[in-house]
PDB file of N, CA and C in Angstrom:
ATOM      1  N   MET A   1      -4.426 -20.470  33.036  1.00  0.00           N
ATOM      2  CA  MET A   1      -3.394 -19.698  32.383  1.00  0.00           C
ATOM      3  C   MET A   1      -4.070 -18.633  31.513  1.00  0.00           C
ATOM      4  N   ILE A   2      -3.581 -17.429  31.570  1.00  0.00           N
ATOM      5  CA  ILE A   2      -4.139 -16.327  30.793  1.00  0.00           C
ATOM      6  C   ILE A   2      -3.038 -15.740  29.915  1.00  0.00           C
ATOM      7  N   VAL A   3      -3.310 -15.655  28.635  1.00  0.00           N
ATOM      8  CA  VAL A   3      -2.365 -15.037  27.700  1.00  0.00           C
ATOM      9  C   VAL A   3      -2.613 -13.533  27.743  1.00  0.00           C
ATOM     10  N   LYS A   4      -1.687 -12.816  28.370  1.00  0.00           N
ATOM     11  CA  LYS A   4      -1.851 -11.374  28.524  1.00  0.00           C
ATOM     12  C   LYS A   4      -1.116 -10.591  27.447  1.00  0.00           C
ATOM     13  N   ARG A   5      -0.107 -11.218  26.843  1.00  0.00           N
ATOM     14  CA  ARG A   5       0.693 -10.505  25.852  1.00  0.00           C
ATOM     15  C   ARG A   5       1.321 -11.520  24.907  1.00  0.00           C
ATOM     16  N   VAL A   6       1.434 -11.164  23.644  1.00  0.00           N
ATOM     17  CA  VAL A   6       2.106 -12.010  22.661  1.00  0.00           C
ATOM     18  C   VAL A   6       3.245 -11.219  22.041  1.00  0.00           C
ATOM     19  N   GLY A   7       4.262 -11.924  21.585  1.00  0.00           N
ATOM     20  CA  GLY A   7       5.393 -11.278  20.911  1.00  0.00           C
ATOM     21  C   GLY A   7       4.986 -10.821  19.519  1.00  0.00           C
ATOM     22  N   VAL A   8       5.037  -9.530  19.290  1.00  0.00           N
ATOM     23  CA  VAL A   8       4.554  -8.965  18.030  1.00  0.00           C
ATOM     24  C   VAL A   8       5.355  -9.499  16.842  1.00  0.00           C
ATOM     25  N   LEU A   9       6.663  -9.463  16.917  1.00  0.00           N
ATOM     26  CA  LEU A   9       7.486  -9.915  15.787  1.00  0.00           C
ATOM     27  C   LEU A   9       7.422 -11.427  15.598  1.00  0.00           C
ATOM     28  N   SER A  10       7.283 -12.182  16.682  1.00  0.00           N
ATOM     29  CA  SER A  10       7.189 -13.639  16.539  1.00  0.00           C
ATOM     30  C   SER A  10       5.882 -14.032  15.862  1.00  0.00           C
ATOM     31  N   VAL A  11       4.798 -13.359  16.203  1.00  0.00           N
ATOM     32  CA  VAL A  11       3.527 -13.623  15.525  1.00  0.00           C
ATOM     33  C   VAL A  11       3.641 -13.244  14.047  1.00  0.00           C
ATOM     34  N   GLY A  12       4.298 -12.128  13.759  1.00  0.00           N
ATOM     35  CA  GLY A  12       4.512 -11.713  12.374  1.00  0.00           C
ATOM     36  C   GLY A  12       5.314 -12.733  11.590  1.00  0.00           C
ATOM     37  N   ARG A  13       6.385 -13.279  12.204  1.00  0.00           N
ATOM     38  CA  ARG A  13       7.201 -14.290  11.525  1.00  0.00           C
ATOM     39  C   ARG A  13       6.401 -15.549  11.232  1.00  0.00           C
ATOM     40  N   VAL A  14       5.649 -16.020  12.221  1.00  0.00           N
ATOM     41  CA  VAL A  14       4.889 -17.254  12.039  1.00  0.00           C
ATOM     42  C   VAL A  14       3.819 -17.066  10.963  1.00  0.00           C
ATOM     43  N   LEU A  15       3.068 -15.986  11.038  1.00  0.00           N
ATOM     44  CA  LEU A  15       2.035 -15.757  10.027  1.00  0.00           C
ATOM     45  C   LEU A  15       2.648 -15.497   8.655  1.00  0.00           C
ATOM     46  N   GLY A  16       3.794 -14.832   8.613  1.00  0.00           N
ATOM     47  CA  GLY A  16       4.479 -14.628   7.340  1.00  0.00           C
ATOM     48  C   GLY A  16       4.856 -15.950   6.693  1.00  0.00           C
ATOM     49  N   CYS A  17       5.380 -16.877   7.481  1.00  0.00           N
ATOM     50  CA  CYS A  17       5.741 -18.197   6.949  1.00  0.00           C
ATOM     51  C   CYS A  17       4.508 -18.981   6.500  1.00  0.00           C
ATOM     52  N   LEU A  18       3.459 -18.937   7.300  1.00  0.00           N
ATOM     53  CA  LEU A  18       2.227 -19.637   6.916  1.00  0.00           C
ATOM     54  C   LEU A  18       1.633 -19.064   5.636  1.00  0.00           C
ATOM     55  N   TYR A  19       1.620 -17.757   5.520  1.00  0.00           N
ATOM     56  CA  TYR A  19       1.079 -17.125   4.323  1.00  0.00           C
ATOM     57  C   TYR A  19       1.974 -17.393   3.115  1.00  0.00           C
ATOM     58  N   ALA A  20       3.289 -17.454   3.299  1.00  0.00           N
ATOM     59  CA  ALA A  20       4.189 -17.775   2.192  1.00  0.00           C
ATOM     60  C   ALA A  20       3.915 -19.183   1.676  1.00  0.00           C
ATOM     61  N   LEU A  21       3.682 -20.124   2.586  1.00  0.00           N
ATOM     62  CA  LEU A  21       3.335 -21.485   2.177  1.00  0.00           C
ATOM     63  C   LEU A  21       2.018 -21.492   1.410  1.00  0.00           C
ATOM     64  N   LEU A  22       1.053 -20.741   1.898  1.00  0.00           N
ATOM     65  CA  LEU A  22      -0.224 -20.618   1.200  1.00  0.00           C
ATOM     66  C   LEU A  22      -0.026 -19.987  -0.182  1.00  0.00           C
ATOM     67  N   GLY A  23       0.820 -18.966  -0.262  1.00  0.00           N
ATOM     68  CA  GLY A  23       1.117 -18.333  -1.543  1.00  0.00           C
ATOM     69  C   GLY A  23       1.794 -19.285  -2.515  1.00  0.00           C
ATOM     70  N   LEU A  24       2.640 -20.181  -2.004  1.00  0.00           N
ATOM     71  CA  LEU A  24       3.285 -21.176  -2.854  1.00  0.00           C
ATOM     72  C   LEU A  24       2.258 -22.145  -3.426  1.00  0.00           C
ATOM     73  N   ILE A  25       1.320 -22.559  -2.599  1.00  0.00           N
ATOM     74  CA  ILE A  25       0.266 -23.464  -3.067  1.00  0.00           C
ATOM     75  C   ILE A  25      -0.606 -22.768  -4.109  1.00  0.00           C
ATOM     76  N   ILE A  26      -1.036 -21.558  -3.822  1.00  0.00           N
ATOM     77  CA  ILE A  26      -1.881 -20.818  -4.763  1.00  0.00           C
ATOM     78  C   ILE A  26      -1.097 -20.482  -6.025  1.00  0.00           C
ATOM     79  N   GLY A  27       0.182 -20.115  -5.887  1.00  0.00           N
ATOM     80  CA  GLY A  27       1.023 -19.852  -7.054  1.00  0.00           C
ATOM     81  C   GLY A  27       1.178 -21.080  -7.937  1.00  0.00           C
ATOM     82  N   GLY A  28       1.295 -22.251  -7.322  1.00  0.00           N
ATOM     83  CA  GLY A  28       1.363 -23.497  -8.089  1.00  0.00           C
ATOM     84  C   GLY A  28       0.084 -23.754  -8.863  1.00  0.00           C
ATOM     85  N   LEU A  29      -1.057 -23.484  -8.224  1.00  0.00           N
ATOM     86  CA  LEU A  29      -2.335 -23.655  -8.919  1.00  0.00           C
ATOM     87  C   LEU A  29      -2.473 -22.670 -10.080  1.00  0.00           C
ATOM     88  N   PHE A  30      -2.088 -21.409  -9.863  1.00  0.00           N
ATOM     89  CA  PHE A  30      -2.122 -20.418 -10.943  1.00  0.00           C
ATOM     90  C   PHE A  30      -1.200 -20.843 -12.080  1.00  0.00           C
ATOM     91  N   SER A  31      -0.040 -21.385 -11.733  1.00  0.00           N
ATOM     92  CA  SER A  31       0.913 -21.820 -12.739  1.00  0.00           C
ATOM     93  C   SER A  31       0.337 -22.968 -13.571  1.00  0.00           C
ATOM     94  N   LEU A  32      -0.311 -23.907 -12.902  1.00  0.00           N
ATOM     95  CA  LEU A  32      -0.936 -25.015 -13.639  1.00  0.00           C
ATOM     96  C   LEU A  32      -2.050 -24.524 -14.552  1.00  0.00           C
ATOM     97  N   LEU A  33      -2.855 -23.583 -14.058  1.00  0.00           N
ATOM     98  CA  LEU A  33      -3.918 -23.035 -14.895  1.00  0.00           C
ATOM     99  C   LEU A  33      -3.346 -22.259 -16.077  1.00  0.00           C
ATOM    100  N   ALA A  34      -2.278 -21.512 -15.872  1.00  0.00           N
ATOM    101  CA  ALA A  34      -1.640 -20.783 -16.966  1.00  0.00           C
ATOM    102  C   ALA A  34      -1.029 -21.752 -17.976  1.00  0.00           C
ATOM    103  N   LEU A  35      -0.434 -22.838 -17.480  1.00  0.00           N
ATOM    104  CA  LEU A  35       0.124 -23.850 -18.367  1.00  0.00           C
ATOM    105  C   LEU A  35      -0.977 -24.501 -19.199  1.00  0.00           C
ATOM    106  N   ALA A  36      -2.110 -24.776 -18.579  1.00  0.00           N
ATOM    107  CA  ALA A  36      -3.236 -25.344 -19.315  1.00  0.00           C
ATOM    108  C   ALA A  36      -3.745 -24.367 -20.375  1.00  0.00           C
ATOM    109  N   GLY A  37      -3.775 -23.091 -20.035  1.00  0.00           N
ATOM    110  CA  GLY A  37      -4.212 -22.081 -21.001  1.00  0.00           C
ATOM    111  C   GLY A  37      -3.255 -21.947 -22.160  1.00  0.00           C
ATOM    112  N   VAL A  38      -1.954 -21.976 -21.887  1.00  0.00           N
ATOM    113  CA  VAL A  38      -0.947 -21.877 -22.948  1.00  0.00           C
ATOM    114  C   VAL A  38      -1.016 -23.108 -23.842  1.00  0.00           C
ATOM    115  N   THR A  39      -1.226 -24.266 -23.240  1.00  0.00           N
ATOM    116  CA  THR A  39      -1.336 -25.497 -24.012  1.00  0.00           C
ATOM    117  C   THR A  39      -2.565 -25.462 -24.908  1.00  0.00           C
ATOM    118  N   ALA A  40      -3.659 -24.936 -24.407  1.00  0.00           N
ATOM    119  CA  ALA A  40      -4.880 -24.849 -25.201  1.00  0.00           C
ATOM    120  C   ALA A  40      -4.733 -23.858 -26.350  1.00  0.00           C
ATOM    121  N   GLU A  41      -3.915 -22.820 -26.160  1.00  0.00           N
ATOM    122  CA  GLU A  41      -3.698 -21.801 -27.197  1.00  0.00           C
ATOM    123  C   GLU A  41      -2.868 -22.354 -28.352  1.00  0.00           C
ATOM    124  N   GLY A  42      -2.024 -23.281 -28.078  1.00  0.00           N
ATOM    125  CA  GLY A  42      -1.149 -23.817 -29.119  1.00  0.00           C
ATOM    126  C   GLY A  42       0.159 -23.053 -29.167  1.00  0.00           C
ATOM    127  N   ARG A  43       0.789 -23.049 -30.317  1.00  0.00           N
ATOM    128  CA  ARG A  43       2.103 -22.427 -30.472  1.00  0.00           C
ATOM    129  C   ARG A  43       2.055 -20.909 -30.433  1.00  0.00           C
ATOM    130  N   ASP A  44       0.951 -20.319 -30.742  1.00  0.00           N
ATOM    131  CA  ASP A  44       0.862 -18.862 -30.825  1.00  0.00           C
ATOM    132  C   ASP A  44       0.515 -18.208 -29.492  1.00  0.00           C
ATOM    133  N   ALA A  45       0.779 -18.873 -28.406  1.00  0.00           N
ATOM    134  CA  ALA A  45       0.466 -18.314 -27.086  1.00  0.00           C
ATOM    135  C   ALA A  45       1.372 -17.116 -26.811  1.00  0.00           C
ATOM    136  N   GLU A  46       0.818 -16.141 -26.161  1.00  0.00           N
ATOM    137  CA  GLU A  46       1.566 -14.928 -25.838  1.00  0.00           C
ATOM    138  C   GLU A  46       2.637 -15.233 -24.788  1.00  0.00           C
ATOM    139  N   PRO A  47       3.809 -14.619 -24.925  1.00  0.00           N
ATOM    140  CA  PRO A  47       4.853 -14.817 -23.904  1.00  0.00           C
ATOM    141  C   PRO A  47       4.423 -14.327 -22.522  1.00  0.00           C
ATOM    142  N   ALA A  48       3.548 -13.321 -22.491  1.00  0.00           N
ATOM    143  CA  ALA A  48       3.072 -12.826 -21.198  1.00  0.00           C
ATOM    144  C   ALA A  48       2.302 -13.904 -20.452  1.00  0.00           C
ATOM    145  N   ALA A  49       1.535 -14.702 -21.160  1.00  0.00           N
ATOM    146  CA  ALA A  49       0.786 -15.792 -20.527  1.00  0.00           C
ATOM    147  C   ALA A  49       1.737 -16.853 -19.984  1.00  0.00           C
ATOM    148  N   GLN A  50       2.805 -17.095 -20.705  1.00  0.00           N
ATOM    149  CA  GLN A  50       3.790 -18.074 -20.240  1.00  0.00           C
ATOM    150  C   GLN A  50       4.533 -17.554 -19.008  1.00  0.00           C
ATOM    151  N   LEU A  51       4.885 -16.273 -19.022  1.00  0.00           N
ATOM    152  CA  LEU A  51       5.598 -15.684 -17.882  1.00  0.00           C
ATOM    153  C   LEU A  51       4.716 -15.579 -16.654  1.00  0.00           C
ATOM    154  N   PHE A  52       3.408 -15.418 -16.855  1.00  0.00           N
ATOM    155  CA  PHE A  52       2.495 -15.331 -15.720  1.00  0.00           C
ATOM    156  C   PHE A  52       2.535 -16.617 -14.904  1.00  0.00           C
ATOM    157  N   GLY A  53       2.588 -17.751 -15.575  1.00  0.00           N
ATOM    158  CA  GLY A  53       2.633 -19.029 -14.871  1.00  0.00           C
ATOM    159  C   GLY A  53       3.880 -19.184 -14.035  1.00  0.00           C
ATOM    160  N   VAL A  54       5.022 -18.838 -14.600  1.00  0.00           N
ATOM    161  CA  VAL A  54       6.285 -18.933 -13.869  1.00  0.00           C
ATOM    162  C   VAL A  54       6.347 -17.859 -12.784  1.00  0.00           C
ATOM    163  N   GLY A  55       5.887 -16.671 -13.099  1.00  0.00           N
ATOM    164  CA  GLY A  55       5.908 -15.572 -12.133  1.00  0.00           C
ATOM    165  C   GLY A  55       5.032 -15.820 -10.925  1.00  0.00           C
ATOM    166  N   ALA A  56       3.946 -16.556 -11.124  1.00  0.00           N
ATOM    167  CA  ALA A  56       3.035 -16.828 -10.009  1.00  0.00           C
ATOM    168  C   ALA A  56       3.717 -17.641  -8.916  1.00  0.00           C
ATOM    169  N   ILE A  57       4.607 -18.537  -9.311  1.00  0.00           N
ATOM    170  CA  ILE A  57       5.302 -19.370  -8.324  1.00  0.00           C
ATOM    171  C   ILE A  57       6.287 -18.540  -7.511  1.00  0.00           C
ATOM    172  N   VAL A  58       6.831 -17.483  -8.098  1.00  0.00           N
ATOM    173  CA  VAL A  58       7.817 -16.655  -7.409  1.00  0.00           C
ATOM    174  C   VAL A  58       7.157 -15.480  -6.696  1.00  0.00           C
ATOM    175  N   ILE A  59       6.274 -14.778  -7.385  1.00  0.00           N
ATOM    176  CA  ILE A  59       5.715 -13.530  -6.861  1.00  0.00           C
ATOM    177  C   ILE A  59       4.687 -13.770  -5.761  1.00  0.00           C
ATOM    178  N   LEU A  60       3.788 -14.715  -5.936  1.00  0.00           N
ATOM    179  CA  LEU A  60       2.728 -14.910  -4.945  1.00  0.00           C
ATOM    180  C   LEU A  60       3.243 -15.300  -3.561  1.00  0.00           C
ATOM    181  N   PRO A  61       4.206 -16.229  -3.428  1.00  0.00           N
ATOM    182  CA  PRO A  61       4.702 -16.510  -2.075  1.00  0.00           C
ATOM    183  C   PRO A  61       5.347 -15.297  -1.407  1.00  0.00           C
ATOM    184  N   VAL A  62       6.083 -14.509  -2.173  1.00  0.00           N
ATOM    185  CA  VAL A  62       6.725 -13.317  -1.601  1.00  0.00           C
ATOM    186  C   VAL A  62       5.661 -12.302  -1.192  1.00  0.00           C
ATOM    187  N   LEU A  63       4.677 -12.093  -2.056  1.00  0.00           N
ATOM    188  CA  LEU A  63       3.596 -11.164  -1.753  1.00  0.00           C
ATOM    189  C   LEU A  63       2.811 -11.616  -0.521  1.00  0.00           C
ATOM    190  N   TYR A  64       2.475 -12.895  -0.457  1.00  0.00           N
ATOM    191  CA  TYR A  64       1.741 -13.424   0.695  1.00  0.00           C
ATOM    192  C   TYR A  64       2.578 -13.342   1.969  1.00  0.00           C
ATOM    193  N   LEU A  65       3.894 -13.581   1.858  1.00  0.00           N
ATOM    194  CA  LEU A  65       4.769 -13.477   3.032  1.00  0.00           C
ATOM    195  C   LEU A  65       4.721 -12.071   3.608  1.00  0.00           C
ATOM    196  N   VAL A  66       4.841 -11.070   2.757  1.00  0.00           N
ATOM    197  CA  VAL A  66       4.826  -9.678   3.218  1.00  0.00           C
ATOM    198  C   VAL A  66       3.480  -9.334   3.844  1.00  0.00           C
ATOM    199  N   ILE A  67       2.396  -9.735   3.181  1.00  0.00           N
ATOM    200  CA  ILE A  67       1.054  -9.458   3.712  1.00  0.00           C
ATOM    201  C   ILE A  67       0.843 -10.172   5.044  1.00  0.00           C
ATOM    202  N   GLY A  68       1.267 -11.435   5.142  1.00  0.00           N
ATOM    203  CA  GLY A  68       1.116 -12.183   6.381  1.00  0.00           C
ATOM    204  C   GLY A  68       1.936 -11.610   7.515  1.00  0.00           C
ATOM    205  N   TYR A  69       3.160 -11.182   7.207  1.00  0.00           N
ATOM    206  CA  TYR A  69       4.038 -10.604   8.223  1.00  0.00           C
ATOM    207  C   TYR A  69       3.455  -9.297   8.765  1.00  0.00           C
ATOM    208  N   ILE A  70       3.074  -8.414   7.869  1.00  0.00           N
ATOM    209  CA  ILE A  70       2.508  -7.127   8.300  1.00  0.00           C
ATOM    210  C   ILE A  70       1.176  -7.335   9.009  1.00  0.00           C
ATOM    211  N   GLY A  71       0.338  -8.219   8.468  1.00  0.00           N
ATOM    212  CA  GLY A  71      -0.944  -8.515   9.118  1.00  0.00           C
ATOM    213  C   GLY A  71      -0.759  -9.131  10.497  1.00  0.00           C
ATOM    214  N   GLY A  72       0.239 -10.003  10.647  1.00  0.00           N
ATOM    215  CA  GLY A  72       0.527 -10.616  11.941  1.00  0.00           C
ATOM    216  C   GLY A  72       0.999  -9.602  12.967  1.00  0.00           C
ATOM    217  N   ILE A  73       1.837  -8.672  12.535  1.00  0.00           N
ATOM    218  CA  ILE A  73       2.312  -7.620  13.434  1.00  0.00           C
ATOM    219  C   ILE A  73       1.148  -6.752  13.896  1.00  0.00           C
ATOM    220  N   ILE A  74       0.297  -6.372  12.965  1.00  0.00           N
ATOM    221  CA  ILE A  74      -0.855  -5.534  13.321  1.00  0.00           C
ATOM    222  C   ILE A  74      -1.801  -6.284  14.249  1.00  0.00           C
ATOM    223  N   ALA A  75      -2.084  -7.551  13.935  1.00  0.00           N
ATOM    224  CA  ALA A  75      -2.996  -8.341  14.767  1.00  0.00           C
ATOM    225  C   ALA A  75      -2.432  -8.553  16.171  1.00  0.00           C
ATOM    226  N   ALA A  76      -1.131  -8.853  16.279  1.00  0.00           N
ATOM    227  CA  ALA A  76      -0.519  -9.059  17.596  1.00  0.00           C
ATOM    228  C   ALA A  76      -0.508  -7.770  18.401  1.00  0.00           C
ATOM    229  N   TRP A  77      -0.214  -6.661  17.757  1.00  0.00           N
ATOM    230  CA  TRP A  77      -0.222  -5.369  18.446  1.00  0.00           C
ATOM    231  C   TRP A  77      -1.625  -5.046  18.950  1.00  0.00           C
ATOM    232  N   LEU A  78      -2.626  -5.265  18.089  1.00  0.00           N
ATOM    233  CA  LEU A  78      -4.006  -5.013  18.511  1.00  0.00           C
ATOM    234  C   LEU A  78      -4.415  -5.939  19.652  1.00  0.00           C
ATOM    235  N   TYR A  79      -3.977  -7.198  19.587  1.00  0.00           N
ATOM    236  CA  TYR A  79      -4.285  -8.118  20.679  1.00  0.00           C
ATOM    237  C   TYR A  79      -3.692  -7.621  21.985  1.00  0.00           C
ATOM    238  N   ASN A  80      -2.442  -7.177  21.945  1.00  0.00           N
ATOM    239  CA  ASN A  80      -1.798  -6.683  23.165  1.00  0.00           C
ATOM    240  C   ASN A  80      -2.538  -5.482  23.736  1.00  0.00           C
ATOM    241  N   VAL A  81      -3.007  -4.593  22.876  1.00  0.00           N
ATOM    242  CA  VAL A  81      -3.767  -3.428  23.337  1.00  0.00           C
ATOM    243  C   VAL A  81      -5.082  -3.864  23.971  1.00  0.00           C
ATOM    244  N   VAL A  82      -5.801  -4.734  23.290  1.00  0.00           N
ATOM    245  CA  VAL A  82      -7.102  -5.189  23.797  1.00  0.00           C
ATOM    246  C   VAL A  82      -6.927  -6.038  25.054  1.00  0.00           C
ATOM    247  N   ALA A  83      -5.901  -6.896  25.088  1.00  0.00           N
ATOM    248  CA  ALA A  83      -5.678  -7.747  26.254  1.00  0.00           C
ATOM    249  C   ALA A  83      -5.321  -6.933  27.489  1.00  0.00           C
ATOM    250  N   SER A  84      -4.663  -5.801  27.300  1.00  0.00           N
ATOM    251  CA  SER A  84      -4.340  -4.969  28.457  1.00  0.00           C
ATOM    252  C   SER A  84      -5.595  -4.357  29.072  1.00  0.00           C
ATOM    253  N   VAL A  85      -6.618  -4.182  28.270  1.00  0.00           N
ATOM    254  CA  VAL A  85      -7.884  -3.625  28.756  1.00  0.00           C
ATOM    255  C   VAL A  85      -8.826  -4.736  29.211  1.00  0.00           C
ATOM    256  N   ALA A  86      -8.964  -5.780  28.398  1.00  0.00           N
ATOM    257  CA  ALA A  86      -9.941  -6.835  28.657  1.00  0.00           C
ATOM    258  C   ALA A  86      -9.404  -7.980  29.518  1.00  0.00           C
ATOM    259  N   GLY A  87      -8.099  -8.070  29.668  1.00  0.00           N
ATOM    260  CA  GLY A  87      -7.556  -9.099  30.544  1.00  0.00           C
ATOM    261  C   GLY A  87      -6.973 -10.304  29.845  1.00  0.00           C
ATOM    262  N   GLY A  88      -7.069 -10.430  28.562  1.00  0.00           N
ATOM    263  CA  GLY A  88      -6.445 -11.536  27.838  1.00  0.00           C
ATOM    264  C   GLY A  88      -7.360 -12.719  27.617  1.00  0.00           C
ATOM    265  N   ILE A  89      -6.814 -13.769  27.040  1.00  0.00           N
ATOM    266  CA  ILE A  89      -7.555 -15.005  26.742  1.00  0.00           C
ATOM    267  C   ILE A  89      -7.182 -16.048  27.771  1.00  0.00           C
ATOM    268  N   GLU A  90      -8.188 -16.676  28.332  1.00  0.00           N
ATOM    269  CA  GLU A  90      -7.944 -17.725  29.316  1.00  0.00           C
ATOM    270  C   GLU A  90      -7.828 -19.057  28.587  1.00  0.00           C
ATOM    271  N   ILE A  91      -6.727 -19.775  28.861  1.00  0.00           N
ATOM    272  CA  ILE A  91      -6.457 -21.074  28.235  1.00  0.00           C
ATOM    273  C   ILE A  91      -6.245 -22.098  29.329  1.00  0.00           C
ATOM    274  N   GLU A  92      -6.866 -23.246  29.166  1.00  0.00           N
ATOM    275  CA  GLU A  92      -6.690 -24.327  30.137  1.00  0.00           C
ATOM    276  C   GLU A  92      -5.820 -25.406  29.489  1.00  0.00           C
ATOM    277  N   LEU A  93      -4.674 -25.683  30.105  1.00  0.00           N
ATOM    278  CA  LEU A  93      -3.743 -26.705  29.591  1.00  0.00           C
ATOM    279  C   LEU A  93      -3.702 -27.868  30.559  1.00  0.00           C
ATOM    280  N   LYS A  94      -3.547 -29.058  30.014  1.00  0.00           N
ATOM    281  CA  LYS A  94      -3.423 -30.256  30.851  1.00  0.00           C
ATOM    282  C   LYS A  94      -2.044 -30.816  30.749  1.00  0.00           C
TER     283      LYS A  94
END
């Protein structure tokens, strides 16, 4: 079996979802680190530091989703161009 062409938008959707999940994990880690920093600062912690922790959980998954979607579209399009010249990837399935 030879993969000669992939669906550009389907690859974009899948990579967008995977990157959003990765962004959620990284956003959670940033949030925990920001929470630890605010706790270490005590009561006089800056509100910006507190908002950074909460914002990381919301902003990073959305940012990663967009980057993954656009990157997936570009990668799938490039694969289709290269596969039309080189013949595609040969896969053996059982």
